[in-house]
PDB file of N, CA and C in Angstrom:
ATOM      1  N   UNK A   1      -6.444  14.448  -7.528  1.00  0.00           N
ATOM      2  CA  UNK A   1      -6.229  14.562  -6.099  1.00  0.00           C
ATOM      3  C   UNK A   1      -5.615  13.256  -5.581  1.00  0.00           C
ATOM      4  N   UNK A   2      -4.550  13.372  -4.834  1.00  0.00           N
ATOM      5  CA  UNK A   2      -3.855  12.207  -4.304  1.00  0.00           C
ATOM      6  C   UNK A   2      -4.461  11.774  -2.970  1.00  0.00           C
ATOM      7  N   UNK A   3      -4.423  10.482  -2.748  1.00  0.00           N
ATOM      8  CA  UNK A   3      -4.864   9.905  -1.477  1.00  0.00           C
ATOM      9  C   UNK A   3      -3.653   9.262  -0.825  1.00  0.00           C
ATOM     10  N   UNK A   4      -3.701   9.153   0.502  1.00  0.00           N
ATOM     11  CA  UNK A   4      -2.552   8.666   1.248  1.00  0.00           C
ATOM     12  C   UNK A   4      -3.000   7.672   2.310  1.00  0.00           C
ATOM     13  N   UNK A   5      -2.179   6.641   2.510  1.00  0.00           N
ATOM     14  CA  UNK A   5      -2.411   5.691   3.579  1.00  0.00           C
ATOM     15  C   UNK A   5      -1.049   5.396   4.214  1.00  0.00           C
ATOM     16  N   UNK A   6      -1.034   5.295   5.546  1.00  0.00           N
ATOM     17  CA  UNK A   6       0.211   5.036   6.257  1.00  0.00           C
ATOM     18  C   UNK A   6       0.163   3.686   6.955  1.00  0.00           C
ATOM     19  N   UNK A   7       1.308   3.007   6.944  1.00  0.00           N
ATOM     20  CA  UNK A   7       1.452   1.710   7.581  1.00  0.00           C
ATOM     21  C   UNK A   7       2.531   1.813   8.652  1.00  0.00           C
ATOM     22  N   UNK A   8       2.173   1.479   9.872  1.00  0.00           N
ATOM     23  CA  UNK A   8       3.112   1.495  10.980  1.00  0.00           C
ATOM     24  C   UNK A   8       4.072   0.323  10.863  1.00  0.00           C
ATOM     25  N   UNK A   9       5.349   0.607  11.027  1.00  0.00           N
ATOM     26  CA  UNK A   9       6.353  -0.437  10.965  1.00  0.00           C
ATOM     27  C   UNK A   9       6.253  -1.436  12.104  1.00  0.00           C
ATOM     28  N   UNK A  10       5.592  -1.059  13.185  1.00  0.00           N
ATOM     29  CA  UNK A  10       5.434  -1.999  14.298  1.00  0.00           C
ATOM     30  C   UNK A  10       4.356  -3.045  14.003  1.00  0.00           C
ATOM     31  N   UNK A  11       3.530  -2.794  13.004  1.00  0.00           N
ATOM     32  CA  UNK A  11       2.464  -3.727  12.647  1.00  0.00           C
ATOM     33  C   UNK A  11       2.657  -4.368  11.276  1.00  0.00           C
ATOM     34  N   UNK A  12       3.186  -3.617  10.333  1.00  0.00           N
ATOM     35  CA  UNK A  12       3.262  -4.077   8.954  1.00  0.00           C
ATOM     36  C   UNK A  12       4.704  -4.162   8.485  1.00  0.00           C
ATOM     37  N   UNK A  13       4.966  -5.113   7.625  1.00  0.00           N
ATOM     38  CA  UNK A  13       6.279  -5.265   7.017  1.00  0.00           C
ATOM     39  C   UNK A  13       6.449  -4.236   5.895  1.00  0.00           C
ATOM     40  N   UNK A  14       7.550  -3.508   5.936  1.00  0.00           N
ATOM     41  CA  UNK A  14       7.830  -2.539   4.871  1.00  0.00           C
ATOM     42  C   UNK A  14       7.977  -3.252   3.527  1.00  0.00           C
ATOM     43  N   UNK A  15       8.542  -4.449   3.554  1.00  0.00           N
ATOM     44  CA  UNK A  15       8.673  -5.231   2.329  1.00  0.00           C
ATOM     45  C   UNK A  15       7.302  -5.607   1.772  1.00  0.00           C
ATOM     46  N   UNK A  16       6.355  -5.911   2.662  1.00  0.00           N
ATOM     47  CA  UNK A  16       4.997  -6.239   2.226  1.00  0.00           C
ATOM     48  C   UNK A  16       4.339  -5.035   1.552  1.00  0.00           C
ATOM     49  N   UNK A  17       4.587  -3.848   2.071  1.00  0.00           N
ATOM     50  CA  UNK A  17       4.038  -2.630   1.459  1.00  0.00           C
ATOM     51  C   UNK A  17       4.599  -2.477   0.049  1.00  0.00           C
ATOM     52  N   UNK A  18       5.904  -2.654  -0.088  1.00  0.00           N
ATOM     53  CA  UNK A  18       6.532  -2.533  -1.411  1.00  0.00           C
ATOM     54  C   UNK A  18       5.996  -3.579  -2.385  1.00  0.00           C
ATOM     55  N   UNK A  19       5.848  -4.817  -1.914  1.00  0.00           N
ATOM     56  CA  UNK A  19       5.327  -5.876  -2.778  1.00  0.00           C
ATOM     57  C   UNK A  19       3.897  -5.593  -3.213  1.00  0.00           C
ATOM     58  N   UNK A  20       3.089  -5.088  -2.301  1.00  0.00           N
ATOM     59  CA  UNK A  20       1.694  -4.777  -2.636  1.00  0.00           C
ATOM     60  C   UNK A  20       1.622  -3.657  -3.666  1.00  0.00           C
ATOM     61  N   UNK A  21       2.443  -2.639  -3.496  1.00  0.00           N
ATOM     62  CA  UNK A  21       2.466  -1.531  -4.458  1.00  0.00           C
ATOM     63  C   UNK A  21       2.869  -2.048  -5.836  1.00  0.00           C
ATOM     64  N   UNK A  22       3.844  -2.944  -5.881  1.00  0.00           N
ATOM     65  CA  UNK A  22       4.254  -3.522  -7.165  1.00  0.00           C
ATOM     66  C   UNK A  22       3.107  -4.314  -7.798  1.00  0.00           C
ATOM     67  N   UNK A  23       2.378  -5.053  -6.975  1.00  0.00           N
ATOM     68  CA  UNK A  23       1.264  -5.860  -7.486  1.00  0.00           C
ATOM     69  C   UNK A  23       0.119  -4.999  -7.995  1.00  0.00           C
ATOM     70  N   UNK A  24      -0.066  -3.830  -7.430  1.00  0.00           N
ATOM     71  CA  UNK A  24      -1.182  -2.956  -7.788  1.00  0.00           C
ATOM     72  C   UNK A  24      -0.769  -1.832  -8.746  1.00  0.00           C
ATOM     73  N   UNK A  25       0.481  -1.809  -9.161  1.00  0.00           N
ATOM     74  CA  UNK A  25       1.026  -0.701  -9.953  1.00  0.00           C
ATOM     75  C   UNK A  25       0.244  -0.418 -11.229  1.00  0.00           C
ATOM     76  N   UNK A  26      -0.383  -1.423 -11.792  1.00  0.00           N
ATOM     77  CA  UNK A  26      -1.132  -1.231 -13.038  1.00  0.00           C
ATOM     78  C   UNK A  26      -2.470  -0.497 -12.812  1.00  0.00           C
ATOM     79  N   UNK A  27      -2.818  -0.266 -11.549  1.00  0.00           N
ATOM     80  CA  UNK A  27      -4.109   0.349 -11.226  1.00  0.00           C
ATOM     81  C   UNK A  27      -4.027   1.821 -10.846  1.00  0.00           C
ATOM     82  N   UNK A  28      -2.830   2.377 -10.844  1.00  0.00           N
ATOM     83  CA  UNK A  28      -2.673   3.791 -10.513  1.00  0.00           C
ATOM     84  C   UNK A  28      -1.214   4.133 -10.346  1.00  0.00           C
ATOM     85  N   UNK A  29      -0.967   5.366 -10.003  1.00  0.00           N
ATOM     86  CA  UNK A  29       0.392   5.826  -9.756  1.00  0.00           C
ATOM     87  C   UNK A  29       0.620   5.830  -8.247  1.00  0.00           C
ATOM     88  N   UNK A  30       1.596   5.062  -7.794  1.00  0.00           N
ATOM     89  CA  UNK A  30       1.888   4.931  -6.377  1.00  0.00           C
ATOM     90  C   UNK A  30       3.268   5.484  -6.071  1.00  0.00           C
ATOM     91  N   UNK A  31       3.379   6.173  -4.956  1.00  0.00           N
ATOM     92  CA  UNK A  31       4.668   6.633  -4.466  1.00  0.00           C
ATOM     93  C   UNK A  31       4.803   6.177  -3.022  1.00  0.00           C
ATOM     94  N   UNK A  32       6.003   5.729  -2.658  1.00  0.00           N
ATOM     95  CA  UNK A  32       6.283   5.315  -1.294  1.00  0.00           C
ATOM     96  C   UNK A  32       7.073   6.406  -0.584  1.00  0.00           C
ATOM     97  N   UNK A  33       6.717   6.650   0.655  1.00  0.00           N
ATOM     98  CA  UNK A  33       7.444   7.593   1.493  1.00  0.00           C
ATOM     99  C   UNK A  33       7.742   6.894   2.815  1.00  0.00           C
ATOM    100  N   UNK A  34       8.999   6.892   3.210  1.00  0.00           N
ATOM    101  CA  UNK A  34       9.385   6.258   4.464  1.00  0.00           C
ATOM    102  C   UNK A  34       9.913   7.312   5.422  1.00  0.00           C
ATOM    103  N   UNK A  35       9.507   7.198   6.678  1.00  0.00           N
ATOM    104  CA  UNK A  35       9.998   8.086   7.723  1.00  0.00           C
ATOM    105  C   UNK A  35       9.800   7.407   9.063  1.00  0.00           C
ATOM    106  N   UNK A  36      10.805   7.533   9.906  1.00  0.00           N
ATOM    107  CA  UNK A  36      10.744   6.926  11.229  1.00  0.00           C
ATOM    108  C   UNK A  36      10.338   5.462  11.112  1.00  0.00           C
ATOM    109  N   UNK A  37       9.281   5.082  11.773  1.00  0.00           N
ATOM    110  CA  UNK A  37       8.845   3.687  11.778  1.00  0.00           C
ATOM    111  C   UNK A  37       7.522   3.541  11.036  1.00  0.00           C
ATOM    112  N   UNK A  38       7.459   4.117   9.839  1.00  0.00           N
ATOM    113  CA  UNK A  38       6.232   4.013   9.057  1.00  0.00           C
ATOM    114  C   UNK A  38       6.559   4.094   7.573  1.00  0.00           C
ATOM    115  N   UNK A  39       5.653   3.563   6.787  1.00  0.00           N
ATOM    116  CA  UNK A  39       5.738   3.673   5.328  1.00  0.00           C
ATOM    117  C   UNK A  39       4.398   4.213   4.853  1.00  0.00           C
ATOM    118  N   UNK A  40       4.445   5.266   4.070  1.00  0.00           N
ATOM    119  CA  UNK A  40       3.222   5.846   3.517  1.00  0.00           C
ATOM    120  C   UNK A  40       3.158   5.535   2.029  1.00  0.00           C
ATOM    121  N   UNK A  41       1.940   5.325   1.554  1.00  0.00           N
ATOM    122  CA  UNK A  41       1.689   5.128   0.131  1.00  0.00           C
ATOM    123  C   UNK A  41       0.793   6.273  -0.326  1.00  0.00           C
ATOM    124  N   UNK A  42       1.231   6.950  -1.367  1.00  0.00           N
ATOM    125  CA  UNK A  42       0.456   8.039  -1.949  1.00  0.00           C
ATOM    126  C   UNK A  42      -0.024   7.570  -3.319  1.00  0.00           C
ATOM    127  N   UNK A  43      -1.333   7.626  -3.509  1.00  0.00           N
ATOM    128  CA  UNK A  43      -1.958   7.178  -4.751  1.00  0.00           C
ATOM    129  C   UNK A  43      -2.492   8.372  -5.522  1.00  0.00           C
ATOM    130  N   UNK A  44      -2.150   8.416  -6.796  1.00  0.00           N
ATOM    131  CA  UNK A  44      -2.746   9.412  -7.691  1.00  0.00           C
ATOM    132  C   UNK A  44      -3.109   8.712  -8.999  1.00  0.00           C
ATOM    133  N   UNK A  45      -4.000   9.299  -9.726  1.00  0.00           N
ATOM    134  CA  UNK A  45      -4.463   8.769 -11.010  1.00  0.00           C
ATOM    135  C   UNK A  45      -4.904   7.303 -10.943  1.00  0.00           C
ATOM    136  N   UNK A  46      -5.793   6.963 -10.000  1.00  0.00           N
ATOM    137  CA  UNK A  46      -6.245   5.569  -9.925  1.00  0.00           C
ATOM    138  C   UNK A  46      -7.146   5.204 -11.102  1.00  0.00           C
ATOM    139  N   UNK A  47      -7.182   3.933 -11.409  1.00  0.00           N
ATOM    140  CA  UNK A  47      -8.111   3.416 -12.408  1.00  0.00           C
ATOM    141  C   UNK A  47      -9.527   3.753 -11.922  1.00  0.00           C
ATOM    142  N   UNK A  48     -10.325   4.458 -12.716  1.00  0.00           N
ATOM    143  CA  UNK A  48     -11.657   4.877 -12.272  1.00  0.00           C
ATOM    144  C   UNK A  48     -12.578   3.715 -11.883  1.00  0.00           C
ATOM    145  N   UNK A  49     -12.358   2.545 -12.458  1.00  0.00           N
ATOM    146  CA  UNK A  49     -13.230   1.403 -12.152  1.00  0.00           C
ATOM    147  C   UNK A  49     -13.020   0.864 -10.742  1.00  0.00           C
ATOM    148  N   UNK A  50     -11.856   1.145 -10.146  1.00  0.00           N
ATOM    149  CA  UNK A  50     -11.561   0.620  -8.810  1.00  0.00           C
ATOM    150  C   UNK A  50     -11.147   1.709  -7.816  1.00  0.00           C
ATOM    151  N   UNK A  51     -11.238   2.949  -8.235  1.00  0.00           N
ATOM    152  CA  UNK A  51     -10.735   4.059  -7.418  1.00  0.00           C
ATOM    153  C   UNK A  51     -11.319   4.100  -6.013  1.00  0.00           C
ATOM    154  N   UNK A  52     -12.594   3.774  -5.873  1.00  0.00           N
ATOM    155  CA  UNK A  52     -13.251   3.902  -4.572  1.00  0.00           C
ATOM    156  C   UNK A  52     -12.837   2.823  -3.574  1.00  0.00           C
ATOM    157  N   UNK A  53     -12.217   1.750  -4.030  1.00  0.00           N
ATOM    158  CA  UNK A  53     -11.814   0.669  -3.111  1.00  0.00           C
ATOM    159  C   UNK A  53     -10.321   0.350  -3.186  1.00  0.00           C
ATOM    160  N   UNK A  54      -9.593   1.049  -4.009  1.00  0.00           N
ATOM    161  CA  UNK A  54      -8.210   0.680  -4.288  1.00  0.00           C
ATOM    162  C   UNK A  54      -7.321   0.695  -3.047  1.00  0.00           C
ATOM    163  N   UNK A  55      -7.356   1.745  -2.268  1.00  0.00           N
ATOM    164  CA  UNK A  55      -6.501   1.792  -1.086  1.00  0.00           C
ATOM    165  C   UNK A  55      -6.918   0.771  -0.034  1.00  0.00           C
ATOM    166  N   UNK A  56      -8.209   0.509   0.083  1.00  0.00           N
ATOM    167  CA  UNK A  56      -8.663  -0.528   1.015  1.00  0.00           C
ATOM    168  C   UNK A  56      -8.129  -1.902   0.594  1.00  0.00           C
ATOM    169  N   UNK A  57      -8.197  -2.186  -0.694  1.00  0.00           N
ATOM    170  CA  UNK A  57      -7.703  -3.470  -1.189  1.00  0.00           C
ATOM    171  C   UNK A  57      -6.183  -3.556  -1.063  1.00  0.00           C
ATOM    172  N   UNK A  58      -5.507  -2.453  -1.290  1.00  0.00           N
ATOM    173  CA  UNK A  58      -4.062  -2.420  -1.101  1.00  0.00           C
ATOM    174  C   UNK A  58      -3.720  -2.740   0.361  1.00  0.00           C
ATOM    175  N   UNK A  59      -4.428  -2.124   1.285  1.00  0.00           N
ATOM    176  CA  UNK A  59      -4.195  -2.368   2.706  1.00  0.00           C
ATOM    177  C   UNK A  59      -4.457  -3.833   3.061  1.00  0.00           C
ATOM    178  N   UNK A  60      -5.496  -4.424   2.513  1.00  0.00           N
ATOM    179  CA  UNK A  60      -5.769  -5.845   2.751  1.00  0.00           C
ATOM    180  C   UNK A  60      -4.627  -6.709   2.236  1.00  0.00           C
ATOM    181  N   UNK A  61      -4.106  -6.353   1.087  1.00  0.00           N
ATOM    182  CA  UNK A  61      -3.002  -7.120   0.500  1.00  0.00           C
ATOM    183  C   UNK A  61      -1.738  -6.981   1.348  1.00  0.00           C
ATOM    184  N   UNK A  62      -1.468  -5.779   1.830  1.00  0.00           N
ATOM    185  CA  UNK A  62      -0.318  -5.556   2.708  1.00  0.00           C
ATOM    186  C   UNK A  62      -0.455  -6.417   3.966  1.00  0.00           C
ATOM    187  N   UNK A  63      -1.635  -6.440   4.549  1.00  0.00           N
ATOM    188  CA  UNK A  63      -1.868  -7.255   5.741  1.00  0.00           C
ATOM    189  C   UNK A  63      -1.630  -8.736   5.448  1.00  0.00           C
ATOM    190  N   UNK A  64      -2.177  -9.225   4.351  1.00  0.00           N
ATOM    191  CA  UNK A  64      -2.007 -10.634   3.998  1.00  0.00           C
ATOM    192  C   UNK A  64      -0.537 -10.981   3.785  1.00  0.00           C
ATOM    193  N   UNK A  65       0.194 -10.127   3.091  1.00  0.00           N
ATOM    194  CA  UNK A  65       1.610 -10.382   2.860  1.00  0.00           C
ATOM    195  C   UNK A  65       2.407 -10.335   4.163  1.00  0.00           C
ATOM    196  N   UNK A  66       2.048  -9.425   5.045  1.00  0.00           N
ATOM    197  CA  UNK A  66       2.723  -9.324   6.341  1.00  0.00           C
ATOM    198  C   UNK A  66       2.497 -10.597   7.162  1.00  0.00           C
ATOM    199  N   UNK A  67       1.255 -11.052   7.229  1.00  0.00           N
ATOM    200  CA  UNK A  67       0.932 -12.273   7.972  1.00  0.00           C
ATOM    201  C   UNK A  67       1.667 -13.463   7.362  1.00  0.00           C
ATOM    202  N   UNK A  68       1.660 -13.542   6.049  1.00  0.00           N
ATOM    203  CA  UNK A  68       2.318 -14.645   5.353  1.00  0.00           C
ATOM    204  C   UNK A  68       3.818 -14.648   5.652  1.00  0.00           C
ATOM    205  N   UNK A  69       4.439 -13.485   5.677  1.00  0.00           N
ATOM    206  CA  UNK A  69       5.886 -13.422   5.895  1.00  0.00           C
ATOM    207  C   UNK A  69       6.271 -13.770   7.329  1.00  0.00           C
ATOM    208  N   UNK A  70       5.335 -13.621   8.240  1.00  0.00           N
ATOM    209  CA  UNK A  70       5.632 -13.908   9.652  1.00  0.00           C
ATOM    210  C   UNK A  70       5.224 -15.308  10.060  1.00  0.00           C
ATOM    211  N   UNK A  71       4.655 -16.032   9.114  1.00  0.00           N
ATOM    212  CA  UNK A  71       4.322 -17.434   9.331  1.00  0.00           C
ATOM    213  C   UNK A  71       3.239 -17.612  10.322  1.00  0.00           C
TER     214      UNK A  71
END
């Protein structure tokens, strides 16, 4: 079963979302979907050891990268 999280372009950097997905790629299968002013991440086949927190940690990483990029 796939899980999905969406990031608003008015709050988060699309580049930060892509970088976070690349950093977490070894922990599951991620797909990016872009539409209008948002980027969605769809996760399937997560590593069972981190499955329950993976999207939360991904979101934290996206936030950190966004803040870092905006100085």
